[in-house]
Structure formats: structure tokens, C-alpha cells
Amino acid sequence: GLLVIDSLFEATRSSNHRWLLPSLCTIFLAFDDPADPRPWSRDLCITATVGLFGAAGFSKLTASSFHGMPTAQWADGATLGWHLGPQGTWLAKYLVRHPIFLRLAACGTLAIE
């Protein structure tokens, strides 16, 4: 329980949830018996996924504002453009050059998370 709480806390502090989620699920599944799988390990993986993506969305809403209160400022695309930067992939460079697609991508990440 404490590991999950710590992981959720770290996810709100700009941790990379793309690495945190597989790590947590690996820990949960390691305690399960492959010969006789139980539903609790799968349920813990689903709970971790929901918690981490929710925390990542909340982090986007609070970290993109100066006062730390939830705002929709992430949706304007400026924060995402700053994170992508000029040294990104061809898709990142394309998004930075076209603000409408950058805004759509920012809104899409909020909707998913």
C-alpha cells in the first residue's frame, strides 16, 4: 500500500509515469503465482493505471499554472510545446510549428489522462 501511495505522490511531482506504471505492475505481478493466477494482481495493475494517469492529468492541470491551483492552461499548448522543444522527433517539431495541432495534442493528453 505504501509503495502505491508513494508512486502516486511521485507521479504528481513530474515523475515519468511511463516508467513508473510498468514498474508497479511488475511488482504486483511478481507476487502472483503464474500457475494459479488470482484476480487481485490484475486489479492492482488496473488501479495503479487509473491512479497514475489521474495523477498525471492533475499534475498537468496544476504544474502548468504559477499558483499551483488547477487551471486549464495546459490546453493552450504552450506548456506542451515547451516540453517538446526544438530537439524532439519529427512529430514534435511539426507540432511546435503548428499551434492548432499542438493545442489538439495538449487537449488530447488531458482527455486521456
Protein backbone atom coordinates (compact mmCIF):
# COMPACT_ATOMS: atom_id res chain seq x y z
CA GLY A 1 0.00 0.00 0.00
CA LEU A 2 2.76 2.44 0.89
CA LEU A 3 4.51 1.79 -2.44
CA VAL A 4 1.35 2.70 -4.34
CA ILE A 5 0.85 5.87 -2.29
CA ASP A 6 4.49 6.87 -2.82
CA SER A 7 4.18 6.20 -6.55
CA LEU A 8 1.07 8.37 -6.79
CA PHE A 9 2.86 11.15 -4.91
CA GLU A 10 5.84 10.92 -7.26
CA ALA A 11 3.53 10.98 -10.29
CA THR A 12 2.24 14.40 -9.22
CA ARG A 13 5.82 15.70 -8.93
CA SER A 14 6.75 15.40 -12.63
CA SER A 15 7.85 11.77 -12.42
CA ASN A 16 7.89 9.81 -15.63
CA HIS A 17 4.73 7.74 -15.32
CA ARG A 18 5.64 5.81 -18.46
CA TRP A 19 8.31 4.04 -16.41
CA LEU A 20 6.55 4.09 -13.07
CA LEU A 21 3.48 2.18 -14.24
CA PRO A 22 5.32 -0.84 -15.69
CA SER A 23 7.47 -0.96 -12.56
CA LEU A 24 4.45 -1.08 -10.28
CA CYS A 25 2.66 -3.67 -12.39
CA THR A 26 5.78 -5.84 -12.44
CA ILE A 27 5.91 -5.70 -8.64
CA PHE A 28 2.23 -6.60 -8.36
CA LEU A 29 2.52 -9.48 -10.82
CA ALA A 30 5.70 -10.79 -9.19
CA PHE A 31 3.73 -11.66 -6.07
CA ASP A 32 1.20 -13.67 -8.06
CA ASP A 33 1.53 -17.38 -8.79
CA PRO A 34 1.67 -17.94 -12.58
CA ALA A 35 0.36 -21.49 -12.18
CA ASP A 36 -2.71 -20.26 -10.29
CA PRO A 37 -3.24 -16.56 -11.13
CA ARG A 38 -5.51 -14.56 -8.86
CA PRO A 39 -7.58 -11.55 -9.95
CA TRP A 40 -6.09 -9.28 -7.27
CA SER A 41 -2.83 -8.70 -9.18
CA ARG A 42 -4.73 -7.68 -12.31
CA ASP A 43 -6.97 -5.46 -10.20
CA LEU A 44 -3.93 -3.80 -8.63
CA CYS A 45 -2.47 -3.13 -12.09
CA ILE A 46 -5.75 -1.55 -13.22
CA THR A 47 -5.95 0.51 -10.02
CA ALA A 48 -2.34 1.68 -10.46
CA THR A 49 -3.07 2.64 -14.08
CA VAL A 50 -6.12 4.67 -13.13
CA GLY A 51 -4.31 6.31 -10.21
CA LEU A 52 -1.19 7.20 -12.16
CA PHE A 53 -2.98 8.56 -15.19
CA GLY A 54 -5.32 10.54 -12.94
CA ALA A 55 -2.33 11.92 -11.04
CA ALA A 56 -0.59 12.78 -14.32
CA GLY A 57 -3.67 14.67 -15.51
CA PHE A 58 -3.93 16.50 -12.19
CA SER A 59 -0.23 17.34 -12.41
CA LYS A 60 -0.75 18.83 -15.87
CA LEU A 61 -3.56 20.99 -14.52
CA THR A 62 -1.59 22.25 -11.50
CA ALA A 63 2.01 22.37 -12.79
CA SER A 64 1.06 24.49 -15.81
CA SER A 65 -0.09 27.36 -13.59
CA PHE A 66 2.02 29.69 -11.49
CA HIS A 67 -0.09 29.50 -8.35
CA GLY A 68 -0.40 25.69 -8.18
CA MET A 69 -4.19 25.65 -8.41
CA PRO A 70 -5.89 23.56 -11.13
CA THR A 71 -6.37 25.51 -14.35
CA ALA A 72 -6.92 24.59 -17.98
CA GLN A 73 -3.75 26.42 -19.01
CA TRP A 74 -2.17 23.16 -20.27
CA ALA A 75 -4.81 23.05 -23.03
CA ASP A 76 -3.40 26.13 -24.79
CA GLY A 77 -0.41 24.03 -25.93
CA ALA A 78 2.35 26.36 -24.72
CA THR A 79 3.47 24.06 -21.91
CA LEU A 80 3.44 21.02 -24.19
CA GLY A 81 5.41 22.95 -26.82
CA TRP A 82 7.99 23.89 -24.20
CA HIS A 83 8.32 20.24 -23.11
CA LEU A 84 8.67 19.01 -26.69
CA GLY A 85 11.32 21.60 -27.52
CA PRO A 86 13.19 22.00 -30.78
CA GLN A 87 15.31 18.83 -30.32
CA GLY A 88 12.34 16.45 -30.45
CA THR A 89 11.27 13.96 -33.09
CA TRP A 90 9.85 14.98 -36.46
CA LEU A 91 6.35 14.81 -34.95
CA ALA A 92 7.35 17.06 -32.03
CA LYS A 93 8.90 19.60 -34.42
CA TYR A 94 5.75 19.52 -36.57
CA LEU A 95 3.51 20.10 -33.55
CA VAL A 96 5.63 23.01 -32.32
CA ARG A 97 5.44 24.68 -35.76
CA HIS A 98 1.64 24.27 -35.99
CA PRO A 99 -0.07 25.66 -32.88
CA ILE A 100 -3.53 24.30 -33.69
CA PHE A 101 -2.23 20.73 -33.72
CA LEU A 102 -0.22 21.44 -30.58
CA ARG A 103 -3.42 22.57 -28.83
CA LEU A 104 -5.26 19.47 -30.05
CA ALA A 105 -2.45 17.24 -28.75
CA ALA A 106 -2.48 19.04 -25.38
CA CYS A 107 -6.24 18.66 -25.07
CA GLY A 108 -5.95 15.01 -26.13
CA THR A 109 -3.45 14.25 -23.37
CA LEU A 110 -5.75 15.87 -20.82
CA ALA A 111 -8.73 13.88 -22.11
CA ILE A 112 -6.82 10.60 -21.96
CA GLU A 113 -5.36 11.23 -18.54
